[in-house]
Protein backbone atom coordinates (compact mmCIF):
# COMPACT_ATOMS: atom_id res chain seq x y z
CA MET A 1 89.60 196.65 -53.38
CA SER A 2 91.05 194.78 -56.36
CA HIS A 3 94.07 196.22 -58.12
CA GLY A 4 94.91 196.41 -61.78
CA VAL A 5 98.37 194.97 -62.47
CA ILE A 6 100.74 196.43 -65.06
CA ILE A 7 103.96 194.71 -66.13
CA LYS A 8 106.38 196.98 -68.03
CA ASP A 9 109.43 195.47 -69.77
CA ALA A 10 109.93 192.95 -66.95
CA VAL A 11 113.30 191.17 -67.07
CA LYS A 12 114.56 188.33 -64.89
CA ARG A 13 118.03 186.83 -65.16
CA TYR A 14 119.67 183.89 -63.45
CA GLY A 15 123.36 184.31 -64.21
CA ASP A 16 123.76 184.12 -67.99
CA PHE A 17 120.21 182.79 -68.47
CA THR A 18 117.41 185.28 -69.16
CA ALA A 19 114.15 183.80 -67.89
CA LEU A 20 111.99 186.81 -68.84
CA LYS A 21 112.92 188.96 -71.83
CA GLY A 22 111.08 192.23 -71.34
CA VAL A 23 107.50 191.13 -70.68
CA ASN A 24 104.65 193.64 -71.04
CA LEU A 25 101.14 192.89 -69.73
CA GLU A 26 98.17 194.88 -68.50
CA ILE A 27 95.73 193.05 -66.23
CA LYS A 28 92.43 194.75 -65.42
CA ALA A 29 91.04 195.06 -61.89
CA GLY A 30 88.74 192.10 -61.20
CA GLU A 31 89.99 190.10 -64.19
CA PHE A 32 90.78 186.37 -64.19
CA TYR A 33 94.06 186.35 -66.11
CA THR A 34 96.00 183.18 -66.90
CA LEU A 35 99.69 182.76 -67.69
CA LEU A 36 99.84 179.65 -69.88
CA GLY A 37 102.81 177.87 -71.35
CA PRO A 38 105.07 174.80 -71.21
CA SER A 39 107.46 174.10 -68.35
CA GLY A 40 110.35 176.56 -68.27
CA CYS A 41 108.59 179.33 -70.21
CA GLY A 42 108.82 181.83 -67.31
CA LYS A 43 105.21 181.90 -66.09
CA THR A 44 105.97 180.95 -62.46
CA THR A 45 109.00 183.24 -62.47
CA LEU A 46 106.75 186.15 -63.43
CA LEU A 47 104.17 185.19 -60.80
CA ARG A 48 106.87 185.10 -58.10
CA MET A 49 108.10 188.53 -59.21
CA ILE A 50 104.56 189.89 -58.79
CA ALA A 51 104.40 188.23 -55.36
CA GLY A 52 107.74 189.69 -54.26
CA PHE A 53 109.48 186.32 -53.93
CA ASN A 54 111.79 187.01 -56.92
CA SER A 55 113.70 190.23 -57.53
CA VAL A 56 113.13 192.29 -60.68
CA ASN A 57 116.24 192.76 -62.85
CA GLY A 58 114.64 195.19 -65.26
CA GLY A 59 111.37 196.99 -65.91
CA GLU A 60 108.53 197.72 -63.50
CA ILE A 61 105.61 195.98 -61.82
CA LEU A 62 102.73 198.21 -60.76
CA PHE A 63 99.57 197.70 -58.73
CA ASP A 64 97.29 200.36 -60.19
CA ASP A 65 99.71 203.32 -60.52
CA LYS A 66 102.10 202.29 -57.72
CA VAL A 67 105.47 200.66 -58.54
CA ILE A 68 106.01 197.68 -56.20
CA ASN A 69 109.41 196.42 -57.41
CA ASN A 70 111.09 196.92 -54.04
CA MET A 71 108.07 196.48 -51.77
CA GLU A 72 108.33 193.60 -49.29
CA ALA A 73 106.15 190.60 -50.14
CA HIS A 74 103.98 190.81 -47.01
CA LYS A 75 103.06 194.43 -47.80
CA ARG A 76 101.82 193.79 -51.36
CA ASP A 77 98.12 193.10 -50.60
CA ILE A 78 98.19 189.67 -52.24
CA GLY A 79 96.79 186.23 -51.52
CA MET A 80 98.60 183.15 -52.74
CA VAL A 81 97.48 179.59 -53.51
CA PHE A 82 100.32 177.15 -54.11
CA GLN A 83 100.59 173.87 -55.99
CA ASN A 84 101.20 171.96 -52.75
CA TYR A 85 98.47 173.82 -50.79
CA ALA A 86 101.00 174.88 -48.06
CA ILE A 87 98.49 174.56 -45.22
CA PHE A 88 99.79 174.05 -41.71
CA PRO A 89 99.50 170.39 -40.57
CA HIS A 90 99.33 171.23 -36.84
CA LEU A 91 96.38 173.64 -37.20
CA THR A 92 92.71 172.86 -37.73
CA VAL A 93 90.90 173.95 -40.88
CA ALA A 94 89.47 177.00 -39.10
CA GLU A 95 92.86 177.91 -37.60
CA ASN A 96 94.51 177.65 -41.03
CA VAL A 97 91.95 180.00 -42.56
CA ALA A 98 92.25 182.41 -39.62
CA TYR A 99 96.05 182.58 -39.84
CA GLY A 100 96.28 185.48 -42.29
CA LEU A 101 93.65 187.48 -40.45
CA LYS A 102 95.55 187.12 -37.18
CA ALA A 103 98.73 188.27 -38.93
CA LYS A 104 96.83 191.38 -40.04
CA LYS A 105 95.66 191.91 -36.44
CA VAL A 106 91.97 191.70 -37.32
CA PRO A 107 89.78 191.82 -34.17
CA LYS A 108 89.02 188.36 -32.71
CA GLY A 109 85.24 188.62 -33.14
CA GLU A 110 85.58 189.61 -36.76
CA ILE A 111 88.05 186.78 -37.42
CA LYS A 112 85.51 184.15 -36.33
CA LYS A 113 82.80 185.68 -38.51
CA ARG A 114 85.02 185.97 -41.61
CA VAL A 115 86.41 182.46 -41.20
CA GLU A 116 82.92 180.97 -41.04
CA GLU A 117 81.88 182.98 -44.11
CA ALA A 118 84.96 181.81 -46.02
CA LEU A 119 84.41 178.15 -45.10
CA GLU A 120 80.77 178.44 -46.15
CA LEU A 121 81.88 179.99 -49.44
CA VAL A 122 84.06 176.96 -50.29
CA GLN A 123 81.50 174.54 -48.78
CA ILE A 124 83.62 172.97 -46.02
CA ARG A 125 82.16 174.63 -42.92
CA GLN A 126 81.40 171.18 -41.45
CA LEU A 127 85.14 170.37 -41.57
CA LYS A 128 86.34 173.39 -39.57
CA ASP A 129 87.67 171.33 -36.61
CA ARG A 130 89.55 168.74 -38.68
CA ARG A 131 93.28 168.76 -39.32
CA PRO A 132 94.79 168.56 -42.84
CA ASN A 133 95.72 164.86 -42.53
CA GLU A 134 92.00 164.09 -42.14
CA LEU A 135 91.10 165.80 -45.43
CA SER A 136 91.09 164.69 -49.06
CA GLY A 137 93.17 166.55 -51.65
CA GLY A 138 90.16 168.48 -52.87
CA GLN A 139 89.21 169.47 -49.32
CA GLN A 140 92.77 170.64 -48.62
CA GLN A 141 92.67 172.76 -51.76
CA ARG A 142 89.41 174.35 -50.56
CA VAL A 143 91.14 175.23 -47.28
CA ALA A 144 93.96 176.89 -49.23
CA LEU A 145 91.40 178.82 -51.29
CA ALA A 146 89.47 179.95 -48.22
CA ARG A 147 92.68 181.11 -46.54
CA ALA A 148 93.62 183.15 -49.62
CA PHE A 149 90.16 184.66 -50.13
CA VAL A 150 89.45 185.46 -46.46
CA ILE A 151 92.07 188.23 -46.23
CA GLU A 152 90.33 189.99 -49.13
CA PRO A 153 93.51 190.61 -51.12
CA GLY A 154 93.76 193.17 -53.90
CA VAL A 155 95.40 190.51 -56.09
CA LEU A 156 95.12 186.72 -55.85
CA LEU A 157 98.02 184.67 -57.26
CA MET A 158 97.55 180.99 -58.04
CA ASP A 159 100.45 178.74 -59.06
CA GLU A 160 99.32 175.44 -60.66
CA PRO A 161 96.78 174.97 -57.83
CA LEU A 162 95.05 171.93 -59.32
CA SER A 163 97.99 169.93 -60.67
CA ASN A 164 98.06 167.50 -57.73
CA LEU A 165 94.40 166.53 -58.08
CA ASP A 166 92.94 163.74 -60.21
CA ALA A 167 91.29 164.63 -63.52
CA LYS A 168 87.66 164.61 -62.33
CA LEU A 169 88.43 166.64 -59.21
CA ARG A 170 90.43 169.17 -61.28
CA VAL A 171 87.34 169.87 -63.37
CA GLN A 172 85.20 170.29 -60.23
CA MET A 173 87.69 172.57 -58.51
CA ARG A 174 88.29 174.82 -61.51
CA THR A 175 84.54 175.48 -61.55
CA VAL A 176 84.63 176.29 -57.83
CA ILE A 177 87.54 178.70 -58.36
CA LYS A 178 85.87 180.49 -61.26
CA LYS A 179 82.56 180.89 -59.39
CA LEU A 180 84.36 182.24 -56.31
CA GLN A 181 86.42 184.66 -58.35
CA ARG A 182 83.36 186.01 -60.16
CA ARG A 183 81.43 186.35 -56.92
CA LEU A 184 84.22 188.17 -55.09
CA GLY A 185 85.64 190.15 -58.04
CA ILE A 186 89.26 189.71 -56.98
CA THR A 187 91.95 190.29 -59.61
CA THR A 188 93.34 186.80 -60.15
CA ILE A 189 96.56 185.80 -61.91
CA TYR A 190 96.61 182.07 -62.51
CA VAL A 191 99.55 179.95 -63.71
CA THR A 192 99.00 176.66 -65.54
CA HIS A 193 100.41 174.50 -68.33
CA ASP A 194 96.99 172.88 -68.88
CA GLN A 195 95.40 174.36 -72.02
CA GLU A 196 91.89 173.05 -71.29
CA GLU A 197 92.02 174.48 -67.78
CA ALA A 198 93.10 177.89 -69.09
CA LEU A 199 90.35 177.97 -71.72
CA ALA A 200 87.71 176.97 -69.15
CA ILE A 201 88.36 179.56 -66.43
CA SER A 202 90.06 182.62 -67.92
CA ASP A 203 88.80 186.02 -68.95
CA ARG A 204 92.07 186.45 -70.85
CA ILE A 205 95.14 184.31 -71.44
CA ALA A 206 98.78 185.21 -72.04
CA VAL A 207 100.53 182.37 -73.86
CA MET A 208 104.25 182.27 -73.02
CA LYS A 209 107.28 180.65 -74.61
CA ALA A 210 110.92 180.91 -73.50
CA GLY A 211 110.43 184.16 -71.57
CA ASP A 212 108.34 185.92 -74.23
CA ILE A 213 104.62 186.58 -74.63
CA MET A 214 103.42 184.89 -77.82
CA GLN A 215 99.79 186.08 -77.72
CA VAL A 216 97.26 187.66 -75.37
CA GLY A 217 93.53 187.24 -75.88
CA THR A 218 90.26 185.77 -74.70
CA PRO A 219 89.98 181.97 -74.71
CA GLU A 220 87.95 182.18 -77.93
CA GLN A 221 90.52 184.43 -79.62
CA ILE A 222 93.42 182.22 -78.57
CA TYR A 223 91.70 179.05 -79.80
CA LYS A 224 90.10 180.33 -82.98
CA SER A 225 92.67 182.92 -84.12
CA PRO A 226 96.17 181.89 -82.99
CA GLU A 227 98.71 184.51 -84.07
CA ASN A 228 101.56 182.07 -84.74
CA THR A 229 102.27 178.38 -85.17
CA PHE A 230 103.42 178.00 -81.56
CA VAL A 231 100.07 179.11 -80.17
CA ALA A 232 98.16 177.11 -82.79
CA GLY A 233 100.12 173.98 -81.88
CA PHE A 234 100.12 174.48 -78.12
CA ILE A 235 96.42 175.26 -77.65
CA GLY A 236 94.32 172.22 -78.45
CA ILE A 237 95.11 170.14 -81.54
CA SER A 238 96.04 171.64 -84.90
CA ASN A 239 96.76 169.96 -88.21
CA PHE A 240 99.57 171.74 -90.08
CA ILE A 241 99.39 170.98 -93.79
CA LYS A 242 102.03 172.17 -96.24
CA CYS A 243 100.80 174.36 -99.08
CA ASN A 244 101.97 176.88 -101.65
CA ILE A 245 100.53 180.39 -101.62
CA SER A 246 99.96 182.59 -104.65
CA GLY A 247 99.15 185.91 -103.08
CA ASP A 248 100.56 188.87 -104.97
CA ASP A 249 97.03 190.24 -104.64
CA PRO A 250 96.19 189.56 -100.97
CA GLN A 251 92.46 189.94 -101.64
CA GLN A 252 92.47 187.08 -104.16
CA ALA A 253 95.10 184.68 -102.87
CA LYS A 254 95.13 180.93 -103.40
CA ALA A 255 96.52 178.07 -101.33
CA GLU A 256 97.43 174.95 -103.32
CA ILE A 257 97.70 171.69 -101.38
CA ASN A 258 99.54 168.69 -102.80
CA LYS A 259 98.94 170.04 -106.33
CA GLU A 260 95.44 168.55 -106.16
CA PHE A 261 93.26 171.05 -104.31
CA THR A 262 93.12 174.86 -104.22
CA ILE A 263 91.48 177.11 -101.64
CA LYS A 264 90.69 180.76 -102.31
CA LEU A 265 91.40 183.09 -99.38
CA LYS A 266 92.37 186.59 -98.29
CA LEU A 267 95.73 187.52 -96.76
CA ARG A 268 96.79 190.30 -94.42
CA LYS A 269 99.57 191.20 -96.86
CA SER A 270 101.07 190.09 -100.16
CA TYR A 271 102.83 186.73 -99.86
CA SER A 272 103.81 184.00 -102.30
CA GLY A 273 105.70 180.82 -101.52
CA LYS A 274 105.68 177.91 -99.09
CA ALA A 275 103.32 178.12 -96.14
CA LEU A 276 101.48 176.07 -93.54
CA LEU A 277 97.71 175.72 -93.44
CA SER A 278 96.42 175.14 -89.90
CA ALA A 279 93.05 173.50 -89.24
CA ARG A 280 91.54 172.08 -86.05
CA PRO A 281 90.18 168.49 -86.29
CA GLU A 282 86.61 169.84 -86.12
CA GLN A 283 87.36 172.26 -88.99
CA LEU A 284 87.90 169.34 -91.40
CA SER A 285 85.12 167.35 -93.03
CA PHE A 286 84.61 164.47 -95.43
CA SER A 287 83.59 165.36 -98.98
CA ASP A 288 82.03 163.45 -101.87
CA SER A 289 83.28 165.79 -104.58
CA GLU A 290 86.43 167.82 -103.79
CA GLY A 291 89.29 167.97 -101.34
CA ILE A 292 92.62 166.33 -100.60
CA SER A 293 92.75 162.56 -100.75
CA GLY A 294 93.77 160.22 -97.98
CA LYS A 295 93.13 156.92 -96.25
CA ILE A 296 91.58 156.16 -92.85
CA ILE A 297 94.26 154.68 -90.59
CA ILE A 298 92.10 154.21 -87.52
CA SER A 299 88.77 155.48 -86.21
CA THR A 300 88.00 155.92 -82.52
CA PHE A 301 84.42 156.28 -81.27
CA LEU A 302 84.36 158.73 -78.33
CA GLY A 303 80.65 159.20 -77.77
CA ASP A 304 80.05 162.80 -78.86
CA PHE A 305 82.37 162.46 -81.82
CA ILE A 306 84.40 160.01 -83.89
CA GLU A 307 88.13 160.72 -84.07
CA TYR A 308 89.77 159.73 -87.35
CA GLU A 309 93.48 159.42 -88.01
CA ILE A 310 94.00 159.90 -91.74
CA GLU A 311 97.12 159.46 -93.86
CA LEU A 312 97.25 161.85 -96.81
CA ASP A 313 98.70 160.75 -100.13
CA ASN A 314 101.92 162.68 -99.34
CA GLY A 315 102.44 160.55 -96.23
CA GLN A 316 101.38 163.22 -93.71
CA THR A 317 98.99 162.17 -90.92
CA ILE A 318 96.13 164.42 -89.82
CA GLN A 319 93.23 164.19 -87.35
CA LEU A 320 89.57 164.79 -88.24
CA ASN A 321 86.71 164.82 -85.72
CA GLU A 322 83.17 164.15 -86.91
CA TYR A 323 80.35 164.69 -84.42
CA THR A 324 77.94 161.76 -84.07
CA LYS A 325 74.91 164.08 -84.20
CA ASP A 326 75.93 164.97 -87.78
CA THR A 327 76.39 161.46 -89.17
CA ASN A 328 75.02 157.92 -89.04
CA TYR A 329 78.05 156.42 -90.77
CA VAL A 330 81.44 155.45 -89.36
CA HIS A 331 84.21 155.31 -91.97
CA GLN A 332 86.16 152.06 -91.93
CA ASP A 333 89.90 151.63 -91.48
CA GLY A 334 91.62 151.60 -94.86
CA GLU A 335 88.79 153.48 -96.58
CA LYS A 336 89.78 156.08 -99.19
CA VAL A 337 88.34 159.54 -98.45
CA LEU A 338 88.39 163.17 -99.61
CA ILE A 339 89.02 165.84 -96.97
CA ASN A 340 87.70 169.39 -97.24
CA PHE A 341 88.11 172.44 -95.02
CA ASN A 342 85.98 175.05 -93.29
CA LYS A 343 87.50 177.87 -95.33
CA ASP A 344 86.33 180.52 -92.85
CA ALA A 345 88.14 178.88 -89.94
CA ILE A 346 91.55 177.86 -91.32
CA SER A 347 94.73 179.88 -90.71
CA ILE A 348 97.74 180.32 -92.99
CA TYR A 349 101.25 180.85 -91.59
CA THR A 350 104.56 181.61 -93.24
CA ASP A 351 106.66 178.47 -93.54
CA GLU A 352 109.77 179.69 -91.70
CA ALA A 353 108.69 182.41 -89.25
CA GLY A 354 105.33 180.86 -88.38
CA GLU A 355 103.64 184.27 -88.72
CA LEU A 356 99.89 184.46 -89.32
CA ILE A 357 99.20 185.95 -92.77
CA SER A 358 95.56 184.97 -93.40
CA CYS A 359 92.67 187.28 -92.51
C-alpha cells in the first residue's frame, strides 16, 4: 500500500553549511511528486534523507503518521532508482529483478511469477537471460525500474534516473515511467534538474533553491503562475522587462514600459515603483497599432513556430515565439516591429524582492 509522505521543518547540515533550511512538504499517497531545482539546491539531499541514507539534523519525516527519522533504510518500505542504474553486472536481468524479492524472503514460486510480470510491465521479458553488459542504456534503465517496482514499495524514490540517456530515449523513458506509476499507483518522489521532464511527468512539483522551497504546484500552476522571479526564470523561458507601476489603487494599476506603452492591470496589493514584467515568448505578439518598439535581430524557423530575438529600443533583448499556424509571414532581420502582450498572462514582480504582486 502506498504511503503519504510528510516533511516537517526538515534540516540538514554539513558542518557550517546548511543544505536544507527547514523544508515542509506534504506528498499524497499515490502522487507523482517531483523535486526540481538547479545543482546544489538540496533536492538529492532531501531524497536521501527520505531513503534513510542521510541523517536528519532537525524536523521530522513521516510515512503516513509514522515518524521514520531513525528507522533503518532497509525497513522503510521504499524502492529506489538511481542515476547510474546500480544493477549487478554478474547477474542476469531476471536475477537482478528478483534480488529484492529474495532479500524479503518471498517464496520461490511467487518470485518467478512476480519477476515475469515486472519484466512484462517494462517490456523486456525477452531479455530476462541477458546480462547488463549486453543491454542498451534504455534497457538497463528498464531493469532498474522493474527491480524497484517488483517489491511493491510504499514509496518509490527516483534520483535523476534519465540523465545518462540521450534526448530521444529520455522522452521515451519518461513516458514509460509515468504510465507505470499511474498503473501501479505507487507514491513516487522524483528528483530532476530538467524542467521539461518535470512538467511532463509530475502531478505536483516543488521548485527548490539553496535549501528552500520556492513554490509548490501542478505543472500548469508552476508554468503559468510562478510565485517569484526565480521560478519564472527557472521554468521555461521568461522575458523580464523593466517597468514602473502606479498602483495606489490595486484594482486600477498601470504598468508603464519605456515611457511609451502602458498596460492596465490588477495587483494583489498596493504598490508603486520599479518592477519587472514577466512574459513567456508565446505570450508576446506583433502589433500594427500599439506596443513597445524594437528591431528583429534574428529569426529562427523551428517548424511549429518561429523564434524571434528582438532588441528593444532600450537595448534589452527579448524572445517572441509566433506559431506558424497563425501566420504566413516571417519577419525579416533588421525589421522594425511593435510588441504587445497577452495582458491576462503576464506577471508583475517587485524589482528587488522578486515577489509576485499581480493578480
